[in-house]
Amino acid sequence: MSLENYMLPCLSKTLFGFECMGCGFQRSLLLIWKGQFIEAFYMYAAIYPLLVLSAYIIITRFYKFKNYKKGINLMSILSITTIILSYTIKHL
């Protein structure tokens, strides 16, 4: 049985008929799992900034750097900007 059978459906797309800003995240993770890194980027461009942010947050739970909060803030802004830009470009 494939992992695709266990993916959650997009509530926004199901109820209202349009994709949300997170549509494609699960499929993109699955593509990374399969080793299809470029396809994962095209599926959901914010996947890599979000993965870096997640890894950084996990690392800072164990090792506190001097300005780790600034790093989290900068990576969060980068991730949010990437999400908004890719969503806007997709719907133009």
C-alpha atoms as a PDB file:
ATOM      1  CA  MET A   1       0.000   0.000   0.000  1.00  0.00           C
ATOM      2  CA  SER A   2       1.295   3.462  -0.907  1.00  0.00           C
ATOM      3  CA  LEU A   3       1.832   6.392   1.444  1.00  0.00           C
ATOM      4  CA  GLU A   4      -0.328   8.481  -0.873  1.00  0.00           C
ATOM      5  CA  ASN A   5      -3.375   6.631   0.451  1.00  0.00           C
ATOM      6  CA  TYR A   6      -2.759   8.129   3.903  1.00  0.00           C
ATOM      7  CA  MET A   7      -2.479  11.781   2.886  1.00  0.00           C
ATOM      8  CA  LEU A   8      -4.919  14.242   4.386  1.00  0.00           C
ATOM      9  CA  PRO A   9      -7.173  16.033   1.883  1.00  0.00           C
ATOM     10  CA  CYS A  10      -7.036  19.826   1.689  1.00  0.00           C
ATOM     11  CA  LEU A  11     -10.064  21.154   3.529  1.00  0.00           C
ATOM     12  CA  SER A  12     -10.014  24.435   1.593  1.00  0.00           C
ATOM     13  CA  LYS A  13      -9.911  22.660  -1.753  1.00  0.00           C
ATOM     14  CA  THR A  14     -12.584  20.172  -0.706  1.00  0.00           C
ATOM     15  CA  LEU A  15     -15.038  22.749   0.654  1.00  0.00           C
ATOM     16  CA  PHE A  16     -14.375  25.833  -1.462  1.00  0.00           C
ATOM     17  CA  GLY A  17     -12.702  24.508  -4.594  1.00  0.00           C
ATOM     18  CA  PHE A  18      -9.396  26.402  -4.379  1.00  0.00           C
ATOM     19  CA  GLU A  19      -6.002  25.466  -3.031  1.00  0.00           C
ATOM     20  CA  CYS A  20      -4.683  26.845   0.235  1.00  0.00           C
ATOM     21  CA  MET A  21      -1.120  28.080   0.798  1.00  0.00           C
ATOM     22  CA  GLY A  22      -0.152  24.668   2.160  1.00  0.00           C
ATOM     23  CA  CYS A  23      -1.418  22.581  -0.731  1.00  0.00           C
ATOM     24  CA  GLY A  24       1.343  20.397  -2.053  1.00  0.00           C
ATOM     25  CA  PHE A  25       3.329  20.133   1.200  1.00  0.00           C
ATOM     26  CA  GLN A  26       2.501  16.477   1.854  1.00  0.00           C
ATOM     27  CA  ARG A  27       3.108  15.471  -1.746  1.00  0.00           C
ATOM     28  CA  SER A  28       6.372  17.407  -1.715  1.00  0.00           C
ATOM     29  CA  LEU A  29       7.541  15.566   1.406  1.00  0.00           C
ATOM     30  CA  LEU A  30       6.690  12.295  -0.285  1.00  0.00           C
ATOM     31  CA  LEU A  31       8.714  13.317  -3.351  1.00  0.00           C
ATOM     32  CA  ILE A  32      11.702  14.109  -1.132  1.00  0.00           C
ATOM     33  CA  TRP A  33      11.272  10.712   0.523  1.00  0.00           C
ATOM     34  CA  LYS A  34      11.427   9.148  -2.952  1.00  0.00           C
ATOM     35  CA  GLY A  35      14.543  11.171  -3.835  1.00  0.00           C
ATOM     36  CA  GLN A  36      12.860  13.433  -6.385  1.00  0.00           C
ATOM     37  CA  PHE A  37      14.220  16.719  -5.037  1.00  0.00           C
ATOM     38  CA  ILE A  38      13.593  18.985  -8.023  1.00  0.00           C
ATOM     39  CA  GLU A  39      10.025  17.704  -8.429  1.00  0.00           C
ATOM     40  CA  ALA A  40       9.486  18.371  -4.699  1.00  0.00           C
ATOM     41  CA  PHE A  41      10.532  21.985  -5.208  1.00  0.00           C
ATOM     42  CA  TYR A  42       8.152  22.412  -8.133  1.00  0.00           C
ATOM     43  CA  MET A  43       5.336  20.816  -6.139  1.00  0.00           C
ATOM     44  CA  TYR A  44       5.814  23.126  -3.134  1.00  0.00           C
ATOM     45  CA  ALA A  45       8.612  25.688  -3.313  1.00  0.00           C
ATOM     46  CA  ALA A  46       8.632  26.415   0.418  1.00  0.00           C
ATOM     47  CA  ILE A  47       9.504  22.827   1.335  1.00  0.00           C
ATOM     48  CA  TYR A  48      13.239  23.473   1.684  1.00  0.00           C
ATOM     49  CA  PRO A  49      13.046  26.671   3.790  1.00  0.00           C
ATOM     50  CA  LEU A  50      10.518  24.916   6.016  1.00  0.00           C
ATOM     51  CA  LEU A  51      12.732  21.845   6.421  1.00  0.00           C
ATOM     52  CA  VAL A  52      15.736  24.024   7.272  1.00  0.00           C
ATOM     53  CA  LEU A  53      13.628  25.977   9.777  1.00  0.00           C
ATOM     54  CA  SER A  54      12.371  22.754  11.363  1.00  0.00           C
ATOM     55  CA  ALA A  55      15.893  21.335  11.644  1.00  0.00           C
ATOM     56  CA  TYR A  56      17.165  24.600  13.144  1.00  0.00           C
ATOM     57  CA  ILE A  57      14.390  24.654  15.731  1.00  0.00           C
ATOM     58  CA  ILE A  58      15.117  21.044  16.707  1.00  0.00           C
ATOM     59  CA  ILE A  59      18.861  21.765  16.997  1.00  0.00           C
ATOM     60  CA  THR A  60      18.279  24.868  19.134  1.00  0.00           C
ATOM     61  CA  ARG A  61      16.241  22.782  21.568  1.00  0.00           C
ATOM     62  CA  PHE A  62      19.467  21.019  22.498  1.00  0.00           C
ATOM     63  CA  TYR A  63      22.151  23.630  21.735  1.00  0.00           C
ATOM     64  CA  LYS A  64      21.402  27.290  22.415  1.00  0.00           C
ATOM     65  CA  PHE A  65      23.388  29.576  20.142  1.00  0.00           C
ATOM     66  CA  LYS A  66      24.065  33.195  21.028  1.00  0.00           C
ATOM     67  CA  ASN A  67      21.432  34.711  18.718  1.00  0.00           C
ATOM     68  CA  TYR A  68      19.351  31.636  17.941  1.00  0.00           C
ATOM     69  CA  LYS A  69      16.059  33.567  18.175  1.00  0.00           C
ATOM     70  CA  LYS A  70      17.177  35.906  15.378  1.00  0.00           C
ATOM     71  CA  GLY A  71      17.952  32.866  13.243  1.00  0.00           C
ATOM     72  CA  ILE A  72      14.509  31.424  13.884  1.00  0.00           C
ATOM     73  CA  ASN A  73      12.898  34.767  13.050  1.00  0.00           C
ATOM     74  CA  LEU A  74      14.886  35.175   9.809  1.00  0.00           C
ATOM     75  CA  MET A  75      14.169  31.630   8.649  1.00  0.00           C
ATOM     76  CA  SER A  76      10.489  32.057   9.527  1.00  0.00           C
ATOM     77  CA  ILE A  77      10.299  35.245   7.460  1.00  0.00           C
ATOM     78  CA  LEU A  78      12.062  33.492   4.564  1.00  0.00           C
ATOM     79  CA  SER A  79       9.643  30.556   4.762  1.00  0.00           C
ATOM     80  CA  ILE A  80       6.534  32.751   4.936  1.00  0.00           C
ATOM     81  CA  THR A  81       7.779  34.918   2.059  1.00  0.00           C
ATOM     82  CA  THR A  82       8.456  31.825  -0.048  1.00  0.00           C
ATOM     83  CA  ILE A  83       4.979  30.444   0.716  1.00  0.00           C
ATOM     84  CA  ILE A  84       3.257  33.703  -0.240  1.00  0.00           C
ATOM     85  CA  LEU A  85       5.324  34.252  -3.405  1.00  0.00           C
ATOM     86  CA  SER A  86       4.891  30.713  -4.688  1.00  0.00           C
ATOM     87  CA  TYR A  87       1.144  30.813  -3.959  1.00  0.00           C
ATOM     88  CA  THR A  88       0.826  34.129  -5.800  1.00  0.00           C
ATOM     89  CA  ILE A  89       2.868  32.950  -8.795  1.00  0.00           C
ATOM     90  CA  LYS A  90       0.881  29.687  -8.979  1.00  0.00           C
ATOM     91  CA  HIS A  91      -2.413  31.551  -9.204  1.00  0.00           C
ATOM     92  CA  LEU A  92      -1.433  34.244 -11.724  1.00  0.00           C
END
